[in-house]
Amino acid sequence: MEKRKFDYKTSQVIQGNFKLSKLNLMLVFQVNCPGCFLNAIPKALKVHEYFKEDSNFKLLGLSAAFEDFELNNIENTKKLVNDRQLTGVTKNALKKEGYDILSFKIPFDVAFDYMDNKSKSTYTFEKNHMQGTPSWILFTENEVLGQTFGHIDENKMIEAINNGLTYLRN
C-alpha cells in the first residue's frame, strides 16, 4: 500500500495551538451533526483522557462543512468551543437528552477547516475524500495510518493509537 500524507488546512484556530505531535488523531465534525455530539465527541473525550500524558500523541478537532453552511461555520464553532452553545439539529437532539448547552468543555485543540467561496465543502474534507461526519484520521507528519467514517468503538481507537505509537518507536 502506498503511503499517503494527510492533507489539511485550517482557516482559524479556535482553541489551543493546533500543532501536530508525532502521532495525531483528528476528529472532523460539523456543529450541525447530532451524531458528532451524541457519539463521536464523547468517545474523543475518553481517548483524550486516556492519552493526555503521552507527549507523542495529540487529539485534534477540526470543525468542517459540506452542507448547511449557514450553521456549519466559524462563528458557530466559536460559540460551541467558548460558550458550549449548540446549533441546529444538534441543539434539538441534545435538548431531547436534557441539555440546553453542551454539558462539557471540549478539552482538545479545535480549528475550523479552510474554505474558499468557490467550494462545496471545506478543504480538508474534500481533499481527503471524507464521506461525512464524524470522520477520524490517524496520522503522522508523513503518513496516514488510518481513516474511517462514522461511529467507532473507543477501545478499537485506543488500540489503533497504541499500535501507531509502537510503529513510531520501531
Protein backbone atom coordinates (compact mmCIF):
# COMPACT_ATOMS: atom_id res chain seq x y z
CA MET A 1 0.00 0.00 0.00
CA GLU A 2 1.32 3.42 -0.97
CA LYS A 3 1.96 5.95 1.80
CA ARG A 4 -0.33 8.97 1.74
CA LYS A 5 0.33 12.20 3.60
CA PHE A 6 -2.66 13.77 5.35
CA ASP A 7 -3.55 16.98 3.53
CA TYR A 8 -5.29 19.57 5.69
CA LYS A 9 -5.62 23.33 6.11
CA THR A 10 -7.23 25.44 8.76
CA SER A 11 -8.78 28.85 8.33
CA GLN A 12 -8.74 29.65 12.04
CA VAL A 13 -7.57 28.00 15.25
CA ILE A 14 -10.38 28.35 17.79
CA GLN A 15 -8.74 26.69 20.81
CA GLY A 16 -5.21 25.54 21.61
CA ASN A 17 -2.28 25.79 19.22
CA PHE A 18 -3.28 23.03 16.75
CA LYS A 19 0.35 21.92 16.40
CA LEU A 20 0.99 18.34 15.36
CA SER A 21 2.67 15.72 17.51
CA LYS A 22 4.47 12.57 16.33
CA LEU A 23 1.09 10.77 16.18
CA ASN A 24 -2.23 12.57 15.74
CA LEU A 25 -5.88 11.66 15.72
CA MET A 26 -8.10 14.22 14.06
CA LEU A 27 -11.83 14.19 14.60
CA VAL A 28 -13.56 16.01 11.76
CA PHE A 29 -17.04 17.11 12.81
CA GLN A 30 -19.78 19.58 11.93
CA VAL A 31 -21.51 21.69 14.59
CA ASN A 32 -24.84 20.76 12.94
CA CYS A 33 -24.26 17.00 13.30
CA PRO A 34 -26.07 15.41 16.26
CA GLY A 35 -24.17 12.12 15.90
CA CYS A 36 -20.92 14.00 16.36
CA PHE A 37 -22.09 15.23 19.77
CA LEU A 38 -24.07 12.22 20.94
CA ASN A 39 -21.38 9.71 19.96
CA ALA A 40 -18.09 10.89 18.46
CA ILE A 41 -17.09 13.75 20.74
CA PRO A 42 -17.82 11.75 23.94
CA LYS A 43 -15.56 9.00 22.55
CA ALA A 44 -12.92 11.59 21.69
CA LEU A 45 -13.07 12.78 25.31
CA LYS A 46 -12.31 9.25 26.51
CA VAL A 47 -9.38 8.96 24.08
CA HIS A 48 -8.10 12.38 25.13
CA GLU A 49 -8.25 11.39 28.80
CA TYR A 50 -6.51 8.06 28.13
CA PHE A 51 -3.56 9.63 26.25
CA LYS A 52 -3.35 13.10 27.83
CA GLU A 53 0.05 12.38 29.41
CA ASP A 54 1.62 10.96 26.23
CA SER A 55 3.70 13.70 24.60
CA ASN A 56 3.95 11.67 21.37
CA PHE A 57 0.17 11.83 20.75
CA LYS A 58 -2.30 14.62 20.13
CA LEU A 59 -6.05 14.66 19.55
CA LEU A 60 -7.28 17.48 17.32
CA GLY A 61 -10.80 18.58 16.47
CA LEU A 62 -11.49 20.05 13.05
CA SER A 63 -14.85 21.68 12.50
CA ALA A 64 -15.81 21.31 8.83
CA ALA A 65 -18.70 21.92 6.45
CA PHE A 66 -20.07 20.05 3.47
CA GLU A 67 -23.71 21.06 3.97
CA ASP A 68 -25.81 23.52 5.99
CA PHE A 69 -23.17 26.23 5.53
CA GLU A 70 -25.32 28.79 7.37
CA LEU A 71 -24.88 26.65 10.53
CA ASN A 72 -21.58 24.80 9.99
CA ASN A 73 -19.31 27.84 10.17
CA ILE A 74 -16.57 29.52 12.19
CA GLU A 75 -18.96 31.66 14.23
CA ASN A 76 -20.99 28.67 15.48
CA THR A 77 -17.79 26.72 16.14
CA LYS A 78 -16.53 29.58 18.33
CA LYS A 79 -19.85 29.65 20.21
CA LEU A 80 -19.58 25.90 20.74
CA VAL A 81 -15.99 25.93 21.98
CA ASN A 82 -16.12 29.16 24.01
CA ASP A 83 -19.67 29.11 25.39
CA ARG A 84 -20.79 25.48 24.79
CA GLN A 85 -23.67 26.81 22.63
CA LEU A 86 -25.36 24.30 20.35
CA THR A 87 -26.96 24.94 16.98
CA GLY A 88 -29.46 23.46 14.54
CA VAL A 89 -30.38 19.79 14.74
CA THR A 90 -27.57 19.22 17.25
CA LYS A 91 -29.28 21.66 19.62
CA ASN A 92 -32.64 19.90 19.11
CA ALA A 93 -31.15 16.43 19.66
CA LEU A 94 -29.32 17.39 22.84
CA LYS A 95 -32.35 19.25 24.15
CA LYS A 96 -34.25 15.91 23.93
CA GLU A 97 -31.44 14.45 26.08
CA GLY A 98 -32.00 17.23 28.64
CA TYR A 99 -29.22 19.66 27.67
CA ASP A 100 -29.61 23.32 26.66
CA ILE A 101 -25.85 23.67 26.16
CA LEU A 102 -23.04 21.18 25.65
CA SER A 103 -22.61 19.51 29.04
CA PHE A 104 -18.79 19.63 28.95
CA LYS A 105 -15.96 21.82 27.73
CA ILE A 106 -14.04 20.42 24.80
CA PRO A 107 -10.51 19.92 26.20
CA PHE A 108 -8.55 19.39 22.96
CA ASP A 109 -7.37 21.77 20.25
CA VAL A 110 -10.05 22.84 17.77
CA ALA A 111 -9.75 24.65 14.46
CA PHE A 112 -12.07 25.40 11.56
CA ASP A 113 -11.32 23.77 8.22
CA TYR A 114 -10.26 26.03 5.35
CA MET A 115 -12.99 27.10 2.98
CA ASP A 116 -12.96 29.25 -0.10
CA ASN A 117 -16.14 30.69 -1.56
CA LYS A 118 -15.92 28.51 -4.68
CA SER A 119 -16.03 25.15 -2.92
CA LYS A 120 -18.99 22.98 -1.97
CA SER A 121 -17.17 21.74 1.12
CA THR A 122 -14.20 22.64 3.26
CA TYR A 123 -10.66 21.89 2.09
CA THR A 124 -9.64 19.01 4.37
CA PHE A 125 -13.00 17.30 3.98
CA GLU A 126 -12.78 17.45 0.19
CA LYS A 127 -9.06 16.70 -0.23
CA ASN A 128 -9.26 13.54 1.88
CA HIS A 129 -12.45 12.24 0.26
CA MET A 130 -14.37 12.10 3.52
CA GLN A 131 -17.81 10.51 3.35
CA GLY A 132 -19.37 12.58 6.11
CA THR A 133 -19.04 13.44 9.76
CA PRO A 134 -17.77 12.31 12.09
CA SER A 135 -14.59 11.27 10.33
CA TRP A 136 -11.45 10.10 12.12
CA ILE A 137 -7.90 10.26 10.72
CA LEU A 138 -4.89 8.76 12.50
CA PHE A 139 -1.68 10.17 11.04
CA THR A 140 1.95 11.07 11.49
CA GLU A 141 3.65 14.03 9.85
CA ASN A 142 4.35 11.90 6.77
CA GLU A 143 1.69 9.21 6.62
CA VAL A 144 -1.99 8.44 7.13
CA LEU A 145 -2.17 5.31 9.30
CA GLY A 146 -5.94 5.04 9.22
CA GLN A 147 -9.08 6.90 8.22
CA THR A 148 -12.67 6.00 8.99
CA PHE A 149 -16.14 7.49 8.85
CA GLY A 150 -18.86 7.18 11.42
CA HIS A 151 -19.08 5.75 14.88
CA ILE A 152 -16.27 3.55 16.09
CA ASP A 153 -15.56 1.79 19.35
CA GLU A 154 -13.20 3.83 21.54
CA ASN A 155 -11.36 0.66 22.62
CA LYS A 156 -10.53 -0.10 18.97
CA MET A 157 -9.46 3.51 18.57
CA ILE A 158 -7.20 3.28 21.62
CA GLU A 159 -5.73 0.04 20.27
CA ALA A 160 -5.03 1.71 16.88
CA ILE A 161 -3.34 4.65 18.62
CA ASN A 162 -1.21 2.31 20.74
CA ASN A 163 -0.26 0.42 17.55
CA GLY A 164 0.65 3.75 15.93
CA LEU A 165 2.83 4.70 18.89
CA THR A 166 4.53 1.28 18.71
CA TYR A 167 5.04 1.79 14.96
CA LEU A 168 6.76 5.13 15.64
CA ARG A 169 9.09 3.62 18.24
CA ASN A 170 10.33 0.89 15.86
